[in-house]
C-alpha atoms as a PDB file:
ATOM      1  CA  MET A   1      31.997 150.743 -43.012  1.00  0.00           C
ATOM      2  CA  GLY A   2      29.159 153.246 -43.390  1.00  0.00           C
ATOM      3  CA  ARG A   3      26.937 151.315 -41.005  1.00  0.00           C
ATOM      4  CA  PHE A   4      29.819 151.106 -38.535  1.00  0.00           C
ATOM      5  CA  PHE A   5      29.828 154.893 -38.149  1.00  0.00           C
ATOM      6  CA  ASP A   6      26.063 155.333 -38.454  1.00  0.00           C
ATOM      7  CA  LEU A   7      24.621 157.505 -35.688  1.00  0.00           C
ATOM      8  CA  GLU A   8      22.476 154.588 -34.514  1.00  0.00           C
ATOM      9  CA  SER A   9      25.283 152.023 -34.549  1.00  0.00           C
ATOM     10  CA  PRO A  10      26.421 150.519 -31.218  1.00  0.00           C
ATOM     11  CA  LEU A  11      29.810 152.223 -31.554  1.00  0.00           C
ATOM     12  CA  MET A  12      28.323 155.675 -32.039  1.00  0.00           C
ATOM     13  CA  ARG A  13      25.862 155.181 -29.191  1.00  0.00           C
ATOM     14  CA  VAL A  14      28.751 154.272 -26.887  1.00  0.00           C
ATOM     15  CA  LEU A  15      30.772 157.278 -28.046  1.00  0.00           C
ATOM     16  CA  ASN A  16      27.778 159.575 -27.554  1.00  0.00           C
ATOM     17  CA  ARG A  17      27.272 158.241 -24.052  1.00  0.00           C
ATOM     18  CA  VAL A  18      30.960 158.754 -23.227  1.00  0.00           C
ATOM     19  CA  ALA A  19      30.722 162.331 -24.500  1.00  0.00           C
ATOM     20  CA  ASP A  20      27.580 162.942 -22.418  1.00  0.00           C
ATOM     21  CA  LEU A  21      29.261 161.644 -19.275  1.00  0.00           C
ATOM     22  CA  MET A  22      32.312 163.811 -19.911  1.00  0.00           C
ATOM     23  CA  ILE A  23      30.173 166.932 -20.360  1.00  0.00           C
ATOM     24  CA  LEU A  24      28.172 166.060 -17.251  1.00  0.00           C
ATOM     25  CA  ASN A  25      31.349 165.539 -15.235  1.00  0.00           C
ATOM     26  CA  LEU A  26      32.715 168.923 -16.308  1.00  0.00           C
ATOM     27  CA  LEU A  27      29.405 170.571 -15.406  1.00  0.00           C
ATOM     28  CA  MET A  28      29.649 168.965 -11.983  1.00  0.00           C
ATOM     29  CA  VAL A  29      33.220 170.154 -11.433  1.00  0.00           C
ATOM     30  CA  VAL A  30      32.373 173.740 -12.420  1.00  0.00           C
ATOM     31  CA  CYS A  31      29.133 173.897 -10.418  1.00  0.00           C
ATOM     32  CA  CYS A  32      30.773 172.444  -7.296  1.00  0.00           C
ATOM     33  CA  ILE A  33      33.532 175.063  -7.192  1.00  0.00           C
ATOM     34  CA  PRO A  34      31.540 177.448  -4.926  1.00  0.00           C
ATOM     35  CA  ILE A  35      31.128 174.468  -2.506  1.00  0.00           C
ATOM     36  CA  ILE A  36      27.733 175.750  -1.340  1.00  0.00           C
ATOM     37  CA  THR A  37      26.192 174.720  -4.686  1.00  0.00           C
ATOM     38  CA  THR A  38      27.450 171.131  -4.492  1.00  0.00           C
ATOM     39  CA  GLY A  39      24.115 169.711  -3.316  1.00  0.00           C
ATOM     40  CA  ALA A  40      22.199 171.256  -6.201  1.00  0.00           C
ATOM     41  CA  ALA A  41      24.876 170.142  -8.679  1.00  0.00           C
ATOM     42  CA  VAL A  42      24.816 166.522  -7.481  1.00  0.00           C
ATOM     43  CA  THR A  43      21.011 166.507  -7.597  1.00  0.00           C
ATOM     44  CA  ALA A  44      21.043 167.868 -11.150  1.00  0.00           C
ATOM     45  CA  MET A  45      23.589 165.248 -12.194  1.00  0.00           C
ATOM     46  CA  HIS A  46      21.404 162.423 -10.905  1.00  0.00           C
ATOM     47  CA  TYR A  47      18.372 163.969 -12.607  1.00  0.00           C
ATOM     48  CA  VAL A  48      20.162 163.693 -15.940  1.00  0.00           C
ATOM     49  CA  LEU A  49      21.692 160.269 -15.253  1.00  0.00           C
ATOM     50  CA  LEU A  50      18.362 158.699 -14.341  1.00  0.00           C
ATOM     51  CA  LYS A  51      16.941 159.921 -17.631  1.00  0.00           C
ATOM     52  CA  MET A  52      19.953 158.476 -19.428  1.00  0.00           C
ATOM     53  CA  VAL A  53      19.618 154.963 -18.008  1.00  0.00           C
ATOM     54  CA  ARG A  54      15.895 154.963 -18.786  1.00  0.00           C
ATOM     55  CA  GLY A  55      16.362 156.139 -22.354  1.00  0.00           C
ATOM     56  CA  GLU A  56      14.529 159.405 -21.680  1.00  0.00           C
ATOM     57  CA  GLU A  57      17.338 161.764 -22.650  1.00  0.00           C
ATOM     58  CA  GLY A  58      16.496 165.302 -23.560  1.00  0.00           C
ATOM     59  CA  TYR A  59      18.855 168.251 -23.758  1.00  0.00           C
ATOM     60  CA  LEU A  60      21.624 167.412 -21.295  1.00  0.00           C
ATOM     61  CA  ILE A  61      22.719 170.920 -20.316  1.00  0.00           C
ATOM     62  CA  ARG A  62      19.159 172.275 -20.257  1.00  0.00           C
ATOM     63  CA  GLY A  63      18.001 169.359 -18.130  1.00  0.00           C
ATOM     64  CA  PHE A  64      20.932 169.773 -15.749  1.00  0.00           C
ATOM     65  CA  PHE A  65      20.291 173.435 -15.058  1.00  0.00           C
ATOM     66  CA  LYS A  66      16.516 172.911 -14.940  1.00  0.00           C
ATOM     67  CA  SER A  67      16.975 170.504 -12.043  1.00  0.00           C
ATOM     68  CA  PHE A  68      19.746 172.664 -10.530  1.00  0.00           C
ATOM     69  CA  LYS A  69      17.368 175.613 -10.329  1.00  0.00           C
ATOM     70  CA  ALA A  70      14.260 173.660  -9.279  1.00  0.00           C
ATOM     71  CA  ASN A  71      15.984 171.798  -6.439  1.00  0.00           C
ATOM     72  CA  PHE A  72      18.506 174.438  -5.385  1.00  0.00           C
ATOM     73  CA  LYS A  73      16.929 175.473  -2.083  1.00  0.00           C
ATOM     74  CA  GLN A  74      16.174 171.998  -0.766  1.00  0.00           C
ATOM     75  CA  ALA A  75      19.414 170.487  -2.086  1.00  0.00           C
ATOM     76  CA  THR A  76      21.454 173.279  -0.492  1.00  0.00           C
ATOM     77  CA  LEU A  77      19.768 172.839   2.886  1.00  0.00           C
ATOM     78  CA  ILE A  78      20.423 169.099   2.791  1.00  0.00           C
ATOM     79  CA  TRP A  79      24.022 169.712   1.704  1.00  0.00           C
ATOM     80  CA  LEU A  80      24.576 172.115   4.616  1.00  0.00           C
ATOM     81  CA  ILE A  81      23.243 169.478   7.026  1.00  0.00           C
ATOM     82  CA  MET A  82      25.586 166.930   5.471  1.00  0.00           C
ATOM     83  CA  LEU A  83      28.540 169.329   5.780  1.00  0.00           C
ATOM     84  CA  VAL A  84      27.858 169.703   9.513  1.00  0.00           C
ATOM     85  CA  VAL A  85      27.655 165.914   9.924  1.00  0.00           C
ATOM     86  CA  ILE A  86      30.855 165.438   7.895  1.00  0.00           C
ATOM     87  CA  ALA A  87      32.677 168.111   9.907  1.00  0.00           C
ATOM     88  CA  VAL A  88      31.637 166.533  13.218  1.00  0.00           C
ATOM     89  CA  TYR A  89      32.631 163.079  12.024  1.00  0.00           C
ATOM     90  CA  ILE A  90      36.036 164.269  10.768  1.00  0.00           C
ATOM     91  CA  GLY A  91      36.599 166.039  14.083  1.00  0.00           C
ATOM     92  CA  ASP A  92      35.782 162.877  16.023  1.00  0.00           C
ATOM     93  CA  THR A  93      38.055 160.829  13.768  1.00  0.00           C
ATOM     94  CA  VAL A  94      40.960 163.236  14.234  1.00  0.00           C
ATOM     95  CA  ILE A  95      40.526 163.058  18.004  1.00  0.00           C
ATOM     96  CA  LEU A  96      40.447 159.253  17.923  1.00  0.00           C
ATOM     97  CA  LEU A  97      43.546 158.960  15.747  1.00  0.00           C
ATOM     98  CA  PHE A  98      45.782 161.833  16.825  1.00  0.00           C
ATOM     99  CA  SER A  99      44.841 162.889  20.339  1.00  0.00           C
ATOM    100  CA  GLY A 100      47.257 160.443  21.946  1.00  0.00           C
ATOM    101  CA  ILE A 101      44.470 159.046  24.106  1.00  0.00           C
ATOM    102  CA  ALA A 102      44.036 155.267  24.071  1.00  0.00           C
ATOM    103  CA  PHE A 103      40.366 154.946  23.193  1.00  0.00           C
ATOM    104  CA  PRO A 104      38.759 151.502  23.538  1.00  0.00           C
ATOM    105  CA  LYS A 105      38.564 149.507  20.295  1.00  0.00           C
ATOM    106  CA  PRO A 106      34.768 149.071  20.511  1.00  0.00           C
ATOM    107  CA  LEU A 107      34.398 152.862  20.375  1.00  0.00           C
ATOM    108  CA  ILE A 108      36.636 153.061  17.294  1.00  0.00           C
ATOM    109  CA  ILE A 109      34.623 150.286  15.629  1.00  0.00           C
ATOM    110  CA  VAL A 110      31.352 152.096  16.392  1.00  0.00           C
ATOM    111  CA  VAL A 111      32.627 155.410  14.994  1.00  0.00           C
ATOM    112  CA  THR A 112      33.854 153.651  11.840  1.00  0.00           C
ATOM    113  CA  ALA A 113      30.532 151.840  11.424  1.00  0.00           C
ATOM    114  CA  VAL A 114      28.606 155.091  11.827  1.00  0.00           C
ATOM    115  CA  GLY A 115      30.743 156.707   9.120  1.00  0.00           C
ATOM    116  CA  ILE A 116      30.067 153.833   6.724  1.00  0.00           C
ATOM    117  CA  ILE A 117      26.326 153.897   7.403  1.00  0.00           C
ATOM    118  CA  ILE A 118      26.153 157.667   6.874  1.00  0.00           C
ATOM    119  CA  SER A 119      28.032 157.308   3.580  1.00  0.00           C
ATOM    120  CA  LEU A 120      25.699 154.562   2.339  1.00  0.00           C
ATOM    121  CA  ILE A 121      22.616 156.603   3.188  1.00  0.00           C
ATOM    122  CA  GLY A 122      24.132 159.699   1.591  1.00  0.00           C
ATOM    123  CA  MET A 123      24.383 157.947  -1.776  1.00  0.00           C
ATOM    124  CA  TYR A 124      20.579 157.892  -2.043  1.00  0.00           C
ATOM    125  CA  ILE A 125      19.709 161.355  -0.778  1.00  0.00           C
ATOM    126  CA  PHE A 126      20.361 163.454  -3.884  1.00  0.00           C
ATOM    127  CA  PRO A 127      19.037 160.843  -6.367  1.00  0.00           C
ATOM    128  CA  LEU A 128      15.821 160.759  -4.319  1.00  0.00           C
ATOM    129  CA  LEU A 129      15.658 164.541  -4.323  1.00  0.00           C
ATOM    130  CA  ALA A 130      16.109 164.543  -8.103  1.00  0.00           C
ATOM    131  CA  ARG A 131      13.302 162.039  -8.632  1.00  0.00           C
ATOM    132  CA  PHE A 132      10.711 162.621  -5.908  1.00  0.00           C
ATOM    133  CA  ASP A 133       9.058 165.636  -4.330  1.00  0.00           C
ATOM    134  CA  ASN A 134       9.283 165.236  -0.573  1.00  0.00           C
ATOM    135  CA  SER A 135      10.288 167.001   2.633  1.00  0.00           C
ATOM    136  CA  ILE A 136      13.915 167.038   3.743  1.00  0.00           C
ATOM    137  CA  ARG A 137      13.050 164.824   6.705  1.00  0.00           C
ATOM    138  CA  ASN A 138      11.314 162.229   4.551  1.00  0.00           C
ATOM    139  CA  THR A 139      14.007 162.354   1.881  1.00  0.00           C
ATOM    140  CA  ILE A 140      16.665 161.458   4.451  1.00  0.00           C
ATOM    141  CA  LYS A 141      14.425 158.848   6.065  1.00  0.00           C
ATOM    142  CA  ASN A 142      13.625 157.275   2.699  1.00  0.00           C
ATOM    143  CA  ALA A 143      17.328 157.250   1.807  1.00  0.00           C
ATOM    144  CA  ALA A 144      18.026 155.269   4.973  1.00  0.00           C
ATOM    145  CA  PHE A 145      15.143 152.920   4.200  1.00  0.00           C
ATOM    146  CA  MET A 146      16.414 152.237   0.676  1.00  0.00           C
ATOM    147  CA  ALA A 147      20.075 151.917   1.679  1.00  0.00           C
ATOM    148  CA  VAL A 148      19.293 149.250   4.258  1.00  0.00           C
ATOM    149  CA  GLY A 149      16.506 147.557   2.303  1.00  0.00           C
ATOM    150  CA  ASN A 150      18.677 147.142  -0.792  1.00  0.00           C
ATOM    151  CA  LEU A 151      22.003 146.469   0.884  1.00  0.00           C
ATOM    152  CA  PRO A 152      23.679 144.396  -1.901  1.00  0.00           C
ATOM    153  CA  LYS A 153      22.983 147.107  -4.477  1.00  0.00           C
ATOM    154  CA  THR A 154      23.963 149.778  -1.982  1.00  0.00           C
ATOM    155  CA  ILE A 155      27.344 148.127  -1.423  1.00  0.00           C
ATOM    156  CA  LEU A 156      27.881 147.818  -5.186  1.00  0.00           C
ATOM    157  CA  MET A 157      27.066 151.509  -5.576  1.00  0.00           C
ATOM    158  CA  ALA A 158      29.692 152.282  -2.942  1.00  0.00           C
ATOM    159  CA  VAL A 159      32.221 150.221  -4.887  1.00  0.00           C
ATOM    160  CA  PHE A 160      31.517 152.313  -7.998  1.00  0.00           C
ATOM    161  CA  TYR A 161      32.233 155.530  -6.099  1.00  0.00           C
ATOM    162  CA  VAL A 162      35.422 154.193  -4.517  1.00  0.00           C
ATOM    163  CA  VAL A 163      36.962 152.947  -7.798  1.00  0.00           C
ATOM    164  CA  PRO A 164      38.190 156.417  -8.975  1.00  0.00           C
ATOM    165  CA  LEU A 165      39.931 156.954  -5.624  1.00  0.00           C
ATOM    166  CA  VAL A 166      41.653 153.590  -5.912  1.00  0.00           C
ATOM    167  CA  ILE A 167      42.730 154.346  -9.487  1.00  0.00           C
ATOM    168  CA  VAL A 168      44.285 157.672  -8.479  1.00  0.00           C
ATOM    169  CA  TYR A 169      45.977 156.082  -5.473  1.00  0.00           C
ATOM    170  CA  PHE A 170      47.784 153.542  -7.636  1.00  0.00           C
ATOM    171  CA  SER A 171      48.413 155.747 -10.677  1.00  0.00           C
ATOM    172  CA  SER A 172      48.685 159.514 -10.757  1.00  0.00           C
ATOM    173  CA  TYR A 173      48.640 159.306 -14.571  1.00  0.00           C
ATOM    174  CA  ALA A 174      44.954 158.419 -14.352  1.00  0.00           C
ATOM    175  CA  MET A 175      44.138 161.842 -12.908  1.00  0.00           C
ATOM    176  CA  LEU A 176      42.958 163.175 -16.280  1.00  0.00           C
ATOM    177  CA  PHE A 177      40.605 160.221 -16.716  1.00  0.00           C
ATOM    178  CA  VAL A 178      39.213 160.781 -13.224  1.00  0.00           C
ATOM    179  CA  PHE A 179      38.834 164.496 -13.917  1.00  0.00           C
ATOM    180  CA  LEU A 180      36.761 163.718 -17.018  1.00  0.00           C
ATOM    181  CA  PHE A 181      34.700 160.794 -15.688  1.00  0.00           C
ATOM    182  CA  GLY A 182      35.472 160.396 -11.979  1.00  0.00           C
ATOM    183  CA  ILE A 183      32.109 161.728 -10.772  1.00  0.00           C
ATOM    184  CA  SER A 184      29.621 161.072 -13.549  1.00  0.00           C
ATOM    185  CA  GLY A 185      31.026 157.631 -14.395  1.00  0.00           C
ATOM    186  CA  PRO A 186      30.473 155.999 -10.991  1.00  0.00           C
ATOM    187  CA  ALA A 187      27.172 157.855 -10.574  1.00  0.00           C
ATOM    188  CA  TYR A 188      26.045 156.497 -13.952  1.00  0.00           C
ATOM    189  CA  GLY A 189      26.707 152.957 -12.733  1.00  0.00           C
ATOM    190  CA  ALA A 190      24.834 153.737  -9.513  1.00  0.00           C
ATOM    191  CA  ALA A 191      21.883 155.094 -11.502  1.00  0.00           C
ATOM    192  CA  TRP A 192      21.467 151.717 -13.217  1.00  0.00           C
ATOM    193  CA  LEU A 193      21.051 150.199  -9.753  1.00  0.00           C
ATOM    194  CA  TYR A 194      18.779 152.705  -8.026  1.00  0.00           C
ATOM    195  CA  SER A 195      16.588 153.169 -11.109  1.00  0.00           C
ATOM    196  CA  ASN A 196      14.842 149.830 -10.519  1.00  0.00           C
ATOM    197  CA  ILE A 197      14.595 150.547  -6.793  1.00  0.00           C
ATOM    198  CA  PHE A 198      12.816 153.839  -7.483  1.00  0.00           C
ATOM    199  CA  LYS A 199      10.372 152.180  -9.888  1.00  0.00           C
ATOM    200  CA  LYS A 200       8.802 150.330  -6.948  1.00  0.00           C
ATOM    201  CA  PHE A 201       7.590 153.668  -5.589  1.00  0.00           C
ATOM    202  CA  GLU A 202       6.664 155.461  -8.812  1.00  0.00           C
ATOM    203  CA  PRO A 203       3.251 155.746 -10.491  1.00  0.00           C
ATOM    204  CA  GLU A 204       2.533 152.887 -12.892  1.00  0.00           C
ATOM    205  CA  VAL A 205       1.864 155.333 -15.727  1.00  0.00           C
ATOM    206  CA  GLU A 206       3.724 158.584 -16.006  1.00  0.00           C
ATOM    207  CA  GLU A 207       4.418 160.902 -18.897  1.00  0.00           C
ATOM    208  CA  VAL A 208       7.997 162.117 -18.710  1.00  0.00           C
ATOM    209  CA  SER A 209       9.462 165.066 -20.563  1.00  0.00           C
ATOM    210  CA  ASP A 210      12.226 167.625 -20.213  1.00  0.00           C
ATOM    211  CA  MET A 211       9.717 169.978 -18.654  1.00  0.00           C
ATOM    212  CA  ASP A 212       8.324 167.538 -16.075  1.00  0.00           C
ATOM    213  CA  PHE A 213      10.506 164.792 -14.711  1.00  0.00           C
ATOM    214  CA  THR A 214       9.995 164.692 -10.936  1.00  0.00           C
ATOM    215  CA  VAL A 215       6.888 163.178  -9.414  1.00  0.00           C
ATOM    216  CA  ASP A 216       5.083 163.794  -6.160  1.00  0.00           C
ATOM    217  CA  VAL A 217       5.450 160.885  -3.781  1.00  0.00           C
ATOM    218  CA  CYS A 218       3.736 162.497  -0.850  1.00  0.00           C
ATOM    219  CA  GLY A 219       0.462 160.780  -1.623  1.00  0.00           C
ATOM    220  CA  GLU A 220      -0.611 157.515  -0.039  1.00  0.00           C
ATOM    221  CA  LYS A 221       0.217 155.358  -3.065  1.00  0.00           C
ATOM    222  CA  ASP A 222       3.584 156.762  -4.021  1.00  0.00           C
ATOM    223  CA  ASN A 223       5.162 157.759  -0.727  1.00  0.00           C
ATOM    224  CA  VAL A 224       8.117 155.535   0.121  1.00  0.00           C
ATOM    225  CA  ASN A 225       7.005 155.375   3.723  1.00  0.00           C
ATOM    226  CA  GLY A 226       3.357 154.782   2.900  1.00  0.00           C
ATOM    227  CA  GLU A 227       2.317 157.969   4.635  1.00  0.00           C
ATOM    228  CA  SER A 228       1.383 161.464   3.605  1.00  0.00           C
ATOM    229  CA  GLU A 229       2.626 164.635   5.159  1.00  0.00           C
END
């Protein structure tokens, strides 16, 4: 029985991971409340999650706010761009659905496809920002490159993010579970997938610590696009 509750036992490791994800989810909820800080919060979450899946955990809260502060400016600019895109897309969708005008089906299909593509690319943007130093333009371009180049994993990542919405749709009693794990849980699953994708573009040898986790990929070897700025 003593070994069962040992700190290094499988059960305790699972419980510790569940607790970490719950804390991370609550941090996300709190830091997203001002709306404008959402980009930095999502980036910080992925910073911590990538360390988790690679067994490089440090201090969770310290690591979260370290990344939040370091990436705040760039993450906020990207988030503002995304908000504009989202607002335009929602506006177009509302016009298509509720304007009373009979738009051709091909146009509706194209608008839907564009929304899906934008969503798939968006799943990579903040993880890339958390892991690599790059310009906003290259971060978005690299996100598109990875989303398309790793389509099966990209689709599976999308499934992870949709699951909480499906759960809430079918059962309002699951709201508490979603509140505690609805953001960090799916993102944790996604981190297991994009971690191996990122490794293709990382230095072969890298010392990682709580004080230095991101790497510069602007050089010829490590840039996702194979070009330097």
